[in-house]
Amino acid sequence: MITLTIAIISSIISFFAAYFLIKSWINVAKREGLVGKDINKIDKREVAEAGGIWVVISATFGLLVFEGIYVFTKNNYYNLNDLYSLVILMVLSAFLGFMDDILGWKKGVPSWIRIIAMVPMALPLMIAKYNAYVLSIPFFNKIYLGVLYPLVIIPIGVLGASNAFNMIAGYNGLEVSNGLLLLLFTFIFSIIKGLYFVAYVVLIIMGAMIAFLLFNWYPAKVFPGNTFTYAIGAFYAGLIIIGDIPKFGLTLFFLYYIELILFLRGLFHGIYKENFGKVNSDNSLDPPYDKSYSITHIAIRILKRVKGKATERGVVLFIIILQSIVGIITLFLFI
């Protein structure tokens, strides 16, 4: 109970730190020209970019406060290796994403550098799980991989999750909402299974993300950028690895496999897809292509058929419902 109280206090600190930092960042980013166009709106208004850096900084501060309070009240460390491996992974991934955001859309860090950089970024996690040799994934029993698991599978998993989480994006509130849902269901699962370290860490991260969503929800005042998506995707992978819950975590990630399939379909058709819709004069959206190459494109088509009109907010709510359904099914499968 004391540890839970410390986690709640740290989560509240994480929330308020993120709230005030992001609120200040919006003005600074606009003043310094670090802005991007809101593509799904007819006026293409300029919005502050790279706000995700403050989610990472605030969450990191909250996690360190959590460890600090625990040490001074309990006179002992609380999963220090695991905590620091997650913090380092998140911060370094955020730095890579921030470089992408600073350099500009489609001009950022080359893919090959992101791939190579993920190995040293995942190194603390690889060290924390140095003696983990068995992998358990959906539809398979436990697979003994020996040292290939910490040395190969972990960096591949982190790389895959960070890039995949970046694929369902581009709409006000979408990335943050999906991230919150992934963490919320992970939190519920962790509490049920007694994985309290994972639950406490998730609670603290969610504090900062909820604060960010207040500014990122439609109409957005700040974008999360690759800073956020790389960091949260990598962090999610780290949580699943640290908690030894790959079956649950991989199943919860189901929508991102669909997005990958749709993305590959686009490449097969010679199209490197964008998630954005084709904006009409009333800010409603039409599908940008003849075929669907993203879950966002499917959402637009379904909303137009059911409601007669698709909107940015409607697309986000549609995907939130889909992710919630996936989360509920995943819980029932594994609890």
C-alpha atoms as a PDB file:
ATOM      1  CA  MET A   1       0.000   0.000   0.000  1.00  0.00           C
ATOM      2  CA  ILE A   2       2.871   2.394   0.784  1.00  0.00           C
ATOM      3  CA  THR A   3       4.490   1.694  -2.582  1.00  0.00           C
ATOM      4  CA  LEU A   4       1.179   2.300  -4.374  1.00  0.00           C
ATOM      5  CA  THR A   5       0.829   5.614  -2.538  1.00  0.00           C
ATOM      6  CA  ILE A   6       4.336   6.601  -3.649  1.00  0.00           C
ATOM      7  CA  ALA A   7       3.439   5.675  -7.248  1.00  0.00           C
ATOM      8  CA  ILE A   8       0.252   7.770  -7.119  1.00  0.00           C
ATOM      9  CA  ILE A   9       2.170  10.767  -5.732  1.00  0.00           C
ATOM     10  CA  SER A  10       4.808  10.356  -8.448  1.00  0.00           C
ATOM     11  CA  SER A  11       2.106  10.105 -11.117  1.00  0.00           C
ATOM     12  CA  ILE A  12       0.539  13.357  -9.902  1.00  0.00           C
ATOM     13  CA  ILE A  13       3.961  15.030 -10.005  1.00  0.00           C
ATOM     14  CA  SER A  14       4.470  13.665 -13.511  1.00  0.00           C
ATOM     15  CA  PHE A  15       1.088  15.079 -14.573  1.00  0.00           C
ATOM     16  CA  PHE A  16       1.652  18.605 -13.268  1.00  0.00           C
ATOM     17  CA  ALA A  17       5.240  18.763 -14.510  1.00  0.00           C
ATOM     18  CA  ALA A  18       4.065  17.819 -18.000  1.00  0.00           C
ATOM     19  CA  TYR A  19       1.097  20.195 -17.868  1.00  0.00           C
ATOM     20  CA  PHE A  20       3.108  23.311 -17.073  1.00  0.00           C
ATOM     21  CA  LEU A  21       6.072  22.416 -19.290  1.00  0.00           C
ATOM     22  CA  ILE A  22       3.847  21.738 -22.306  1.00  0.00           C
ATOM     23  CA  LYS A  23       1.818  24.887 -21.717  1.00  0.00           C
ATOM     24  CA  SER A  24       5.029  26.935 -21.781  1.00  0.00           C
ATOM     25  CA  TRP A  25       6.469  24.984 -24.722  1.00  0.00           C
ATOM     26  CA  ILE A  26       3.534  25.855 -26.994  1.00  0.00           C
ATOM     27  CA  ASN A  27       4.431  29.556 -26.871  1.00  0.00           C
ATOM     28  CA  VAL A  28       8.176  28.944 -27.136  1.00  0.00           C
ATOM     29  CA  ALA A  29       7.818  26.591 -30.118  1.00  0.00           C
ATOM     30  CA  LYS A  30       5.615  29.051 -32.001  1.00  0.00           C
ATOM     31  CA  ARG A  31       7.953  31.933 -31.249  1.00  0.00           C
ATOM     32  CA  GLU A  32      10.988  29.976 -32.471  1.00  0.00           C
ATOM     33  CA  GLY A  33       9.234  28.588 -35.543  1.00  0.00           C
ATOM     34  CA  LEU A  34       9.204  24.949 -34.418  1.00  0.00           C
ATOM     35  CA  VAL A  35       5.739  24.356 -35.818  1.00  0.00           C
ATOM     36  CA  GLY A  36       4.041  22.006 -38.245  1.00  0.00           C
ATOM     37  CA  LYS A  37       0.926  22.256 -40.388  1.00  0.00           C
ATOM     38  CA  ASP A  38      -2.245  20.563 -39.177  1.00  0.00           C
ATOM     39  CA  ILE A  39      -2.850  18.629 -42.394  1.00  0.00           C
ATOM     40  CA  ASN A  40      -6.365  17.424 -41.596  1.00  0.00           C
ATOM     41  CA  LYS A  41      -7.745  20.966 -41.427  1.00  0.00           C
ATOM     42  CA  ILE A  42      -8.643  23.156 -44.380  1.00  0.00           C
ATOM     43  CA  ASP A  43      -6.703  26.180 -43.088  1.00  0.00           C
ATOM     44  CA  LYS A  44      -3.542  24.078 -42.457  1.00  0.00           C
ATOM     45  CA  ARG A  45      -2.996  25.978 -39.201  1.00  0.00           C
ATOM     46  CA  GLU A  46       0.429  25.922 -37.571  1.00  0.00           C
ATOM     47  CA  VAL A  47       0.780  23.898 -34.379  1.00  0.00           C
ATOM     48  CA  ALA A  48       3.703  23.588 -31.966  1.00  0.00           C
ATOM     49  CA  GLU A  49       5.849  20.547 -32.736  1.00  0.00           C
ATOM     50  CA  ALA A  50       7.864  18.028 -30.684  1.00  0.00           C
ATOM     51  CA  GLY A  51       5.781  18.404 -27.533  1.00  0.00           C
ATOM     52  CA  GLY A  52       6.411  14.767 -26.713  1.00  0.00           C
ATOM     53  CA  ILE A  53       9.814  15.657 -25.292  1.00  0.00           C
ATOM     54  CA  TRP A  54       8.081  17.099 -22.226  1.00  0.00           C
ATOM     55  CA  VAL A  55       6.093  13.920 -21.703  1.00  0.00           C
ATOM     56  CA  VAL A  56       9.365  12.000 -21.586  1.00  0.00           C
ATOM     57  CA  ILE A  57      11.097  14.513 -19.311  1.00  0.00           C
ATOM     58  CA  SER A  58       8.128  14.706 -16.932  1.00  0.00           C
ATOM     59  CA  ALA A  59       7.661  10.928 -16.848  1.00  0.00           C
ATOM     60  CA  THR A  60      11.374  10.457 -16.210  1.00  0.00           C
ATOM     61  CA  PHE A  61      11.227  12.944 -13.362  1.00  0.00           C
ATOM     62  CA  GLY A  62       8.198  11.132 -11.931  1.00  0.00           C
ATOM     63  CA  LEU A  63       9.972   7.764 -12.122  1.00  0.00           C
ATOM     64  CA  LEU A  64      13.072   9.135 -10.392  1.00  0.00           C
ATOM     65  CA  VAL A  65      10.924  10.754  -7.698  1.00  0.00           C
ATOM     66  CA  PHE A  66       9.220   7.386  -7.213  1.00  0.00           C
ATOM     67  CA  GLU A  67      12.560   5.625  -6.711  1.00  0.00           C
ATOM     68  CA  GLY A  68      13.858   8.443  -4.518  1.00  0.00           C
ATOM     69  CA  ILE A  69      10.873   8.454  -2.149  1.00  0.00           C
ATOM     70  CA  TYR A  70      10.962   4.664  -1.950  1.00  0.00           C
ATOM     71  CA  VAL A  71      14.677   4.619  -1.079  1.00  0.00           C
ATOM     72  CA  PHE A  72      14.349   7.236   1.661  1.00  0.00           C
ATOM     73  CA  THR A  73      11.226   5.667   3.193  1.00  0.00           C
ATOM     74  CA  LYS A  74      12.150   1.977   2.836  1.00  0.00           C
ATOM     75  CA  ASN A  75      15.942   2.294   3.043  1.00  0.00           C
ATOM     76  CA  ASN A  76      16.224   0.022   0.030  1.00  0.00           C
ATOM     77  CA  TYR A  77      16.076   0.140  -3.788  1.00  0.00           C
ATOM     78  CA  TYR A  78      12.966  -0.794  -5.754  1.00  0.00           C
ATOM     79  CA  ASN A  79      13.814  -2.757  -8.938  1.00  0.00           C
ATOM     80  CA  LEU A  80      16.563  -0.267  -9.672  1.00  0.00           C
ATOM     81  CA  ASN A  81      18.076  -2.097 -12.669  1.00  0.00           C
ATOM     82  CA  ASP A  82      14.702  -2.497 -14.357  1.00  0.00           C
ATOM     83  CA  LEU A  83      13.684   1.089 -13.661  1.00  0.00           C
ATOM     84  CA  TYR A  84      16.896   2.592 -14.975  1.00  0.00           C
ATOM     85  CA  SER A  85      16.901   0.366 -18.066  1.00  0.00           C
ATOM     86  CA  LEU A  86      13.397   1.627 -18.944  1.00  0.00           C
ATOM     87  CA  VAL A  87      14.293   5.251 -18.241  1.00  0.00           C
ATOM     88  CA  ILE A  88      17.464   5.122 -20.349  1.00  0.00           C
ATOM     89  CA  LEU A  89      15.648   3.359 -23.197  1.00  0.00           C
ATOM     90  CA  MET A  90      12.853   5.937 -23.187  1.00  0.00           C
ATOM     91  CA  VAL A  91      15.142   8.971 -22.993  1.00  0.00           C
ATOM     92  CA  LEU A  92      17.495   7.791 -25.741  1.00  0.00           C
ATOM     93  CA  SER A  93      14.585   6.844 -28.014  1.00  0.00           C
ATOM     94  CA  ALA A  94      13.051  10.263 -27.399  1.00  0.00           C
ATOM     95  CA  PHE A  95      16.344  11.930 -28.332  1.00  0.00           C
ATOM     96  CA  LEU A  96      16.359  10.054 -31.649  1.00  0.00           C
ATOM     97  CA  GLY A  97      12.770  11.110 -32.287  1.00  0.00           C
ATOM     98  CA  PHE A  98      13.549  14.698 -31.324  1.00  0.00           C
ATOM     99  CA  MET A  99      16.303  14.777 -33.945  1.00  0.00           C
ATOM    100  CA  ASP A 100      13.705  13.637 -36.465  1.00  0.00           C
ATOM    101  CA  ASP A 101      11.336  16.416 -35.374  1.00  0.00           C
ATOM    102  CA  ILE A 102      14.014  19.112 -35.436  1.00  0.00           C
ATOM    103  CA  LEU A 103      15.296  18.137 -38.877  1.00  0.00           C
ATOM    104  CA  GLY A 104      11.774  18.243 -40.233  1.00  0.00           C
ATOM    105  CA  TRP A 105       9.081  15.990 -41.647  1.00  0.00           C
ATOM    106  CA  LYS A 106      10.490  13.502 -44.177  1.00  0.00           C
ATOM    107  CA  LYS A 107      13.973  15.005 -43.689  1.00  0.00           C
ATOM    108  CA  GLY A 108      14.790  13.361 -40.395  1.00  0.00           C
ATOM    109  CA  VAL A 109      17.189  10.683 -39.246  1.00  0.00           C
ATOM    110  CA  PRO A 110      17.766   8.056 -41.991  1.00  0.00           C
ATOM    111  CA  SER A 111      16.202   4.648 -41.395  1.00  0.00           C
ATOM    112  CA  TRP A 112      19.542   2.849 -41.300  1.00  0.00           C
ATOM    113  CA  ILE A 113      20.761   5.107 -38.486  1.00  0.00           C
ATOM    114  CA  ARG A 114      17.586   4.428 -36.489  1.00  0.00           C
ATOM    115  CA  ILE A 115      18.147   0.695 -36.888  1.00  0.00           C
ATOM    116  CA  ILE A 116      21.797   0.834 -35.831  1.00  0.00           C
ATOM    117  CA  ALA A 117      21.099   3.235 -32.964  1.00  0.00           C
ATOM    118  CA  MET A 118      18.516   0.933 -31.431  1.00  0.00           C
ATOM    119  CA  VAL A 119      21.183  -1.576 -30.335  1.00  0.00           C
ATOM    120  CA  PRO A 120      23.007   0.747 -27.906  1.00  0.00           C
ATOM    121  CA  MET A 121      19.661   2.229 -26.846  1.00  0.00           C
ATOM    122  CA  ALA A 122      18.392  -1.229 -25.895  1.00  0.00           C
ATOM    123  CA  LEU A 123      21.672  -2.174 -24.186  1.00  0.00           C
ATOM    124  CA  PRO A 124      20.511  -1.382 -20.608  1.00  0.00           C
ATOM    125  CA  LEU A 125      17.437  -3.527 -21.227  1.00  0.00           C
ATOM    126  CA  MET A 126      19.598  -6.312 -22.667  1.00  0.00           C
ATOM    127  CA  ILE A 127      21.776  -6.158 -19.548  1.00  0.00           C
ATOM    128  CA  ALA A 128      18.744  -6.191 -17.233  1.00  0.00           C
ATOM    129  CA  LYS A 129      17.477  -9.349 -18.983  1.00  0.00           C
ATOM    130  CA  TYR A 130      20.903 -10.934 -19.533  1.00  0.00           C
ATOM    131  CA  ASN A 131      19.752 -14.276 -18.136  1.00  0.00           C
ATOM    132  CA  ALA A 132      16.402 -14.433 -19.965  1.00  0.00           C
ATOM    133  CA  TYR A 133      16.677 -17.188 -22.574  1.00  0.00           C
ATOM    134  CA  VAL A 134      13.054 -18.227 -23.090  1.00  0.00           C
ATOM    135  CA  LEU A 135      10.542 -16.414 -25.318  1.00  0.00           C
ATOM    136  CA  SER A 136       6.785 -16.980 -25.147  1.00  0.00           C
ATOM    137  CA  ILE A 137       4.710 -15.592 -28.029  1.00  0.00           C
ATOM    138  CA  PRO A 138       1.087 -16.008 -29.205  1.00  0.00           C
ATOM    139  CA  PHE A 139       0.228 -19.385 -30.820  1.00  0.00           C
ATOM    140  CA  PHE A 140       3.514 -20.919 -29.663  1.00  0.00           C
ATOM    141  CA  ASN A 141       4.774 -22.571 -26.514  1.00  0.00           C
ATOM    142  CA  LYS A 142       7.879 -21.281 -24.814  1.00  0.00           C
ATOM    143  CA  ILE A 143      10.852 -21.132 -27.169  1.00  0.00           C
ATOM    144  CA  TYR A 144      14.390 -21.509 -25.804  1.00  0.00           C
ATOM    145  CA  LEU A 145      16.633 -19.029 -27.601  1.00  0.00           C
ATOM    146  CA  GLY A 146      19.656 -18.889 -25.328  1.00  0.00           C
ATOM    147  CA  VAL A 147      21.697 -15.699 -25.538  1.00  0.00           C
ATOM    148  CA  LEU A 148      19.921 -14.804 -28.802  1.00  0.00           C
ATOM    149  CA  TYR A 149      17.004 -13.544 -26.708  1.00  0.00           C
ATOM    150  CA  PRO A 150      18.821 -10.731 -24.834  1.00  0.00           C
ATOM    151  CA  LEU A 151      21.322  -9.997 -27.623  1.00  0.00           C
ATOM    152  CA  VAL A 152      19.080 -10.159 -30.708  1.00  0.00           C
ATOM    153  CA  ILE A 153      15.375 -10.458 -29.920  1.00  0.00           C
ATOM    154  CA  ILE A 154      15.255  -7.608 -27.402  1.00  0.00           C
ATOM    155  CA  PRO A 155      16.763  -4.913 -29.701  1.00  0.00           C
ATOM    156  CA  ILE A 156      14.617  -6.170 -32.605  1.00  0.00           C
ATOM    157  CA  GLY A 157      11.518  -6.011 -30.402  1.00  0.00           C
ATOM    158  CA  VAL A 158      12.309  -2.474 -29.251  1.00  0.00           C
ATOM    159  CA  LEU A 159      13.017  -1.336 -32.811  1.00  0.00           C
ATOM    160  CA  GLY A 160       9.825  -2.932 -34.105  1.00  0.00           C
ATOM    161  CA  ALA A 161       7.594  -1.491 -31.386  1.00  0.00           C
ATOM    162  CA  SER A 162       8.993   2.046 -31.617  1.00  0.00           C
ATOM    163  CA  ASN A 163       8.554   2.168 -35.390  1.00  0.00           C
ATOM    164  CA  ALA A 164       5.182   0.393 -35.398  1.00  0.00           C
ATOM    165  CA  PHE A 165       3.735   2.754 -32.802  1.00  0.00           C
ATOM    166  CA  ASN A 166       4.676   5.611 -35.130  1.00  0.00           C
ATOM    167  CA  MET A 167       2.543   4.169 -37.953  1.00  0.00           C
ATOM    168  CA  ILE A 168      -0.955   4.907 -36.595  1.00  0.00           C
ATOM    169  CA  ALA A 169      -0.574   8.644 -36.275  1.00  0.00           C
ATOM    170  CA  GLY A 170      -1.280  12.024 -37.847  1.00  0.00           C
ATOM    171  CA  TYR A 171      -4.618  12.921 -36.213  1.00  0.00           C
ATOM    172  CA  ASN A 172      -5.221  15.146 -33.193  1.00  0.00           C
ATOM    173  CA  GLY A 173      -5.087  12.996 -30.070  1.00  0.00           C
ATOM    174  CA  LEU A 174      -4.602   9.689 -31.896  1.00  0.00           C
ATOM    175  CA  GLU A 175      -1.075   8.681 -30.853  1.00  0.00           C
ATOM    176  CA  VAL A 176      -1.557   9.719 -27.235  1.00  0.00           C
ATOM    177  CA  SER A 177      -4.975   8.060 -26.934  1.00  0.00           C
ATOM    178  CA  ASN A 178      -3.688   4.788 -28.369  1.00  0.00           C
ATOM    179  CA  GLY A 179      -0.645   4.945 -26.109  1.00  0.00           C
ATOM    180  CA  LEU A 180      -2.833   5.534 -23.064  1.00  0.00           C
ATOM    181  CA  LEU A 181      -5.031   2.575 -23.965  1.00  0.00           C
ATOM    182  CA  LEU A 182      -2.043   0.268 -24.423  1.00  0.00           C
ATOM    183  CA  LEU A 183      -0.745   1.319 -21.013  1.00  0.00           C
ATOM    184  CA  LEU A 184      -4.171   1.239 -19.344  1.00  0.00           C
ATOM    185  CA  PHE A 185      -4.803  -2.381 -20.328  1.00  0.00           C
ATOM    186  CA  THR A 186      -1.225  -3.251 -19.372  1.00  0.00           C
ATOM    187  CA  PHE A 187      -1.856  -1.627 -15.982  1.00  0.00           C
ATOM    188  CA  ILE A 188      -5.055  -3.639 -15.430  1.00  0.00           C
ATOM    189  CA  PHE A 189      -3.359  -6.863 -16.484  1.00  0.00           C
ATOM    190  CA  SER A 190      -0.348  -6.160 -14.255  1.00  0.00           C
ATOM    191  CA  ILE A 191      -2.525  -5.520 -11.198  1.00  0.00           C
ATOM    192  CA  ILE A 192      -4.462  -8.740 -11.783  1.00  0.00           C
ATOM    193  CA  LYS A 193      -1.257 -10.750 -12.241  1.00  0.00           C
ATOM    194  CA  GLY A 194       0.587  -9.122  -9.344  1.00  0.00           C
ATOM    195  CA  LEU A 195       3.199  -7.440 -11.561  1.00  0.00           C
ATOM    196  CA  TYR A 196       3.274  -4.370  -9.373  1.00  0.00           C
ATOM    197  CA  PHE A 197       6.504  -2.865 -10.660  1.00  0.00           C
ATOM    198  CA  VAL A 198       5.048  -2.738 -14.188  1.00  0.00           C
ATOM    199  CA  ALA A 199       1.787  -1.308 -12.832  1.00  0.00           C
ATOM    200  CA  TYR A 200       3.504   1.458 -10.857  1.00  0.00           C
ATOM    201  CA  VAL A 201       5.716   2.483 -13.772  1.00  0.00           C
ATOM    202  CA  VAL A 202       2.706   2.592 -16.115  1.00  0.00           C
ATOM    203  CA  LEU A 203       0.773   4.735 -13.641  1.00  0.00           C
ATOM    204  CA  ILE A 204       3.557   7.321 -13.553  1.00  0.00           C
ATOM    205  CA  ILE A 205       3.950   7.460 -17.346  1.00  0.00           C
ATOM    206  CA  MET A 206       0.196   7.817 -17.795  1.00  0.00           C
ATOM    207  CA  GLY A 207       0.204  10.900 -15.589  1.00  0.00           C
ATOM    208  CA  ALA A 208       2.399  12.787 -18.062  1.00  0.00           C
ATOM    209  CA  MET A 209       0.484  11.444 -21.070  1.00  0.00           C
ATOM    210  CA  ILE A 210      -2.898  12.525 -19.718  1.00  0.00           C
ATOM    211  CA  ALA A 211      -1.533  16.050 -19.233  1.00  0.00           C
ATOM    212  CA  PHE A 212      -0.299  16.053 -22.822  1.00  0.00           C
ATOM    213  CA  LEU A 213      -3.646  14.841 -24.164  1.00  0.00           C
ATOM    214  CA  LEU A 214      -5.310  17.948 -22.714  1.00  0.00           C
ATOM    215  CA  PHE A 215      -3.317  20.003 -25.244  1.00  0.00           C
ATOM    216  CA  ASN A 216      -3.233  17.448 -28.055  1.00  0.00           C
ATOM    217  CA  TRP A 217      -6.931  16.598 -28.262  1.00  0.00           C
ATOM    218  CA  TYR A 218      -8.914  18.132 -31.118  1.00  0.00           C
ATOM    219  CA  PRO A 219      -8.220  20.911 -31.986  1.00  0.00           C
ATOM    220  CA  ALA A 220      -4.582  20.273 -31.066  1.00  0.00           C
ATOM    221  CA  LYS A 221      -2.388  23.027 -29.684  1.00  0.00           C
ATOM    222  CA  VAL A 222       0.742  20.839 -29.807  1.00  0.00           C
ATOM    223  CA  PHE A 223       1.872  17.756 -31.724  1.00  0.00           C
ATOM    224  CA  PRO A 224       3.642  14.825 -30.031  1.00  0.00           C
ATOM    225  CA  GLY A 225       6.061  14.248 -32.914  1.00  0.00           C
ATOM    226  CA  ASN A 226       8.392  11.303 -33.381  1.00  0.00           C
ATOM    227  CA  THR A 227       9.859  12.256 -30.005  1.00  0.00           C
ATOM    228  CA  PHE A 228       6.744  10.835 -28.410  1.00  0.00           C
ATOM    229  CA  THR A 229       6.027   7.894 -30.712  1.00  0.00           C
ATOM    230  CA  TYR A 230       9.583   6.489 -30.699  1.00  0.00           C
ATOM    231  CA  ALA A 231       9.882   6.872 -26.923  1.00  0.00           C
ATOM    232  CA  ILE A 232       6.493   5.417 -25.983  1.00  0.00           C
ATOM    233  CA  GLY A 233       6.759   2.590 -28.518  1.00  0.00           C
ATOM    234  CA  ALA A 234      10.188   1.615 -27.189  1.00  0.00           C
ATOM    235  CA  PHE A 235       9.018   2.046 -23.600  1.00  0.00           C
ATOM    236  CA  TYR A 236       6.030  -0.237 -24.232  1.00  0.00           C
ATOM    237  CA  ALA A 237       8.344  -2.914 -25.628  1.00  0.00           C
ATOM    238  CA  GLY A 238      10.574  -2.491 -22.579  1.00  0.00           C
ATOM    239  CA  LEU A 239       7.629  -2.942 -20.220  1.00  0.00           C
ATOM    240  CA  ILE A 240       6.565  -6.142 -21.936  1.00  0.00           C
ATOM    241  CA  ILE A 241      10.116  -7.488 -21.779  1.00  0.00           C
ATOM    242  CA  ILE A 242      10.725  -6.468 -18.159  1.00  0.00           C
ATOM    243  CA  GLY A 243       7.365  -7.888 -17.092  1.00  0.00           C
ATOM    244  CA  ASP A 244       7.898 -11.135 -19.036  1.00  0.00           C
ATOM    245  CA  ILE A 245       4.457 -10.773 -20.639  1.00  0.00           C
ATOM    246  CA  PRO A 246       5.208 -10.976 -24.381  1.00  0.00           C
ATOM    247  CA  LYS A 247       2.054 -12.950 -25.250  1.00  0.00           C
ATOM    248  CA  PHE A 248      -0.165 -10.320 -23.666  1.00  0.00           C
ATOM    249  CA  GLY A 249       1.823  -7.383 -25.026  1.00  0.00           C
ATOM    250  CA  LEU A 250       2.055  -8.693 -28.585  1.00  0.00           C
ATOM    251  CA  THR A 251      -1.667  -9.503 -28.712  1.00  0.00           C
ATOM    252  CA  LEU A 252      -2.573  -6.055 -27.375  1.00  0.00           C
ATOM    253  CA  PHE A 253      -0.533  -4.611 -30.262  1.00  0.00           C
ATOM    254  CA  PHE A 254      -2.876  -6.245 -32.820  1.00  0.00           C
ATOM    255  CA  LEU A 255      -3.970  -3.037 -34.605  1.00  0.00           C
ATOM    256  CA  TYR A 256      -0.367  -2.259 -35.480  1.00  0.00           C
ATOM    257  CA  TYR A 257      -0.006  -5.585 -37.316  1.00  0.00           C
ATOM    258  CA  ILE A 258      -3.042  -4.652 -39.409  1.00  0.00           C
ATOM    259  CA  GLU A 259      -1.466  -1.265 -40.075  1.00  0.00           C
ATOM    260  CA  LEU A 260       1.755  -2.955 -41.206  1.00  0.00           C
ATOM    261  CA  ILE A 261      -0.163  -5.217 -43.597  1.00  0.00           C
ATOM    262  CA  LEU A 262      -1.983  -2.211 -45.063  1.00  0.00           C
ATOM    263  CA  PHE A 263       1.306  -0.329 -45.353  1.00  0.00           C
ATOM    264  CA  LEU A 264       2.896  -3.233 -47.246  1.00  0.00           C
ATOM    265  CA  ARG A 265      -0.174  -3.374 -49.469  1.00  0.00           C
ATOM    266  CA  GLY A 266       0.481   0.255 -50.354  1.00  0.00           C
ATOM    267  CA  LEU A 267       4.110  -0.474 -51.204  1.00  0.00           C
ATOM    268  CA  PHE A 268       2.951  -3.361 -53.407  1.00  0.00           C
ATOM    269  CA  HIS A 269       0.725  -0.867 -55.241  1.00  0.00           C
ATOM    270  CA  GLY A 270       3.574   1.613 -55.546  1.00  0.00           C
ATOM    271  CA  ILE A 271       2.238   3.955 -52.844  1.00  0.00           C
ATOM    272  CA  TYR A 272       4.123   5.085 -49.741  1.00  0.00           C
ATOM    273  CA  LYS A 273       0.962   5.958 -47.865  1.00  0.00           C
ATOM    274  CA  GLU A 274       0.101   8.914 -45.703  1.00  0.00           C
ATOM    275  CA  ASN A 275      -2.526   8.531 -42.989  1.00  0.00           C
ATOM    276  CA  PHE A 276      -4.107  11.941 -43.563  1.00  0.00           C
ATOM    277  CA  GLY A 277      -7.493  12.317 -45.203  1.00  0.00           C
ATOM    278  CA  LYS A 278      -8.437  14.522 -48.129  1.00  0.00           C
ATOM    279  CA  VAL A 279      -9.867  17.636 -46.472  1.00  0.00           C
ATOM    280  CA  ASN A 280     -13.113  19.198 -47.695  1.00  0.00           C
ATOM    281  CA  SER A 281     -14.190  22.816 -47.230  1.00  0.00           C
ATOM    282  CA  ASP A 282     -16.199  21.901 -44.104  1.00  0.00           C
ATOM    283  CA  ASN A 283     -13.204  20.088 -42.574  1.00  0.00           C
ATOM    284  CA  SER A 284     -14.775  16.693 -43.248  1.00  0.00           C
ATOM    285  CA  LEU A 285     -12.489  14.029 -44.670  1.00  0.00           C
ATOM    286  CA  ASP A 286     -12.496  11.837 -47.757  1.00  0.00           C
ATOM    287  CA  PRO A 287     -10.226   8.830 -48.330  1.00  0.00           C
ATOM    288  CA  PRO A 288      -6.908  10.017 -49.812  1.00  0.00           C
ATOM    289  CA  TYR A 289      -6.540   6.979 -52.114  1.00  0.00           C
ATOM    290  CA  ASP A 290      -8.773   4.667 -54.118  1.00  0.00           C
ATOM    291  CA  LYS A 291      -7.874   1.845 -51.741  1.00  0.00           C
ATOM    292  CA  SER A 292      -7.197   1.758 -48.005  1.00  0.00           C
ATOM    293  CA  TYR A 293      -3.566   1.643 -46.928  1.00  0.00           C
ATOM    294  CA  SER A 294      -4.067   2.543 -43.267  1.00  0.00           C
ATOM    295  CA  ILE A 295      -6.567   1.913 -40.493  1.00  0.00           C
ATOM    296  CA  THR A 296      -7.291   5.651 -40.685  1.00  0.00           C
ATOM    297  CA  HIS A 297      -8.378   5.229 -44.322  1.00  0.00           C
ATOM    298  CA  ILE A 298     -10.684   2.366 -43.321  1.00  0.00           C
ATOM    299  CA  ALA A 299     -12.120   4.523 -40.534  1.00  0.00           C
ATOM    300  CA  ILE A 300     -12.882   7.333 -42.995  1.00  0.00           C
ATOM    301  CA  ARG A 301     -14.678   4.953 -45.377  1.00  0.00           C
ATOM    302  CA  ILE A 302     -16.746   3.332 -42.618  1.00  0.00           C
ATOM    303  CA  LEU A 303     -17.717   6.678 -41.080  1.00  0.00           C
ATOM    304  CA  LYS A 304     -18.787   8.049 -44.470  1.00  0.00           C
ATOM    305  CA  ARG A 305     -20.898   4.967 -45.089  1.00  0.00           C
ATOM    306  CA  VAL A 306     -22.481   4.903 -41.621  1.00  0.00           C
ATOM    307  CA  LYS A 307     -22.766   8.614 -40.784  1.00  0.00           C
ATOM    308  CA  GLY A 308     -22.511  10.180 -44.220  1.00  0.00           C
ATOM    309  CA  LYS A 309     -19.473  12.203 -43.193  1.00  0.00           C
ATOM    310  CA  ALA A 310     -16.072  11.509 -41.663  1.00  0.00           C
ATOM    311  CA  THR A 311     -14.323  13.972 -39.376  1.00  0.00           C
ATOM    312  CA  GLU A 312     -10.900  13.976 -37.770  1.00  0.00           C
ATOM    313  CA  ARG A 313     -12.384  13.552 -34.312  1.00  0.00           C
ATOM    314  CA  GLY A 314     -14.616  10.756 -35.590  1.00  0.00           C
ATOM    315  CA  VAL A 315     -11.638   8.867 -37.031  1.00  0.00           C
ATOM    316  CA  VAL A 316      -9.786   9.115 -33.707  1.00  0.00           C
ATOM    317  CA  LEU A 317     -12.817   7.949 -31.700  1.00  0.00           C
ATOM    318  CA  PHE A 318     -13.330   5.053 -34.131  1.00  0.00           C
ATOM    319  CA  ILE A 319      -9.756   3.857 -33.622  1.00  0.00           C
ATOM    320  CA  ILE A 320     -10.042   4.356 -29.857  1.00  0.00           C
ATOM    321  CA  ILE A 321     -13.058   2.018 -29.908  1.00  0.00           C
ATOM    322  CA  LEU A 322     -11.127  -0.535 -31.983  1.00  0.00           C
ATOM    323  CA  GLN A 323      -8.156  -0.454 -29.595  1.00  0.00           C
ATOM    324  CA  SER A 324     -10.486  -0.737 -26.603  1.00  0.00           C
ATOM    325  CA  ILE A 325     -12.116  -3.838 -28.129  1.00  0.00           C
ATOM    326  CA  VAL A 326      -8.669  -5.349 -28.741  1.00  0.00           C
ATOM    327  CA  GLY A 327      -7.714  -4.544 -25.147  1.00  0.00           C
ATOM    328  CA  ILE A 328     -10.826  -6.139 -23.649  1.00  0.00           C
ATOM    329  CA  ILE A 329     -10.408  -9.284 -25.761  1.00  0.00           C
ATOM    330  CA  THR A 330      -6.714  -9.481 -24.825  1.00  0.00           C
ATOM    331  CA  LEU A 331      -7.558  -9.244 -21.132  1.00  0.00           C
ATOM    332  CA  PHE A 332     -10.118 -12.041 -21.400  1.00  0.00           C
ATOM    333  CA  LEU A 333      -7.614 -14.219 -23.261  1.00  0.00           C
ATOM    334  CA  PHE A 334      -4.826 -13.920 -20.707  1.00  0.00           C
ATOM    335  CA  ILE A 335      -6.261 -13.236 -17.245  1.00  0.00           C
END
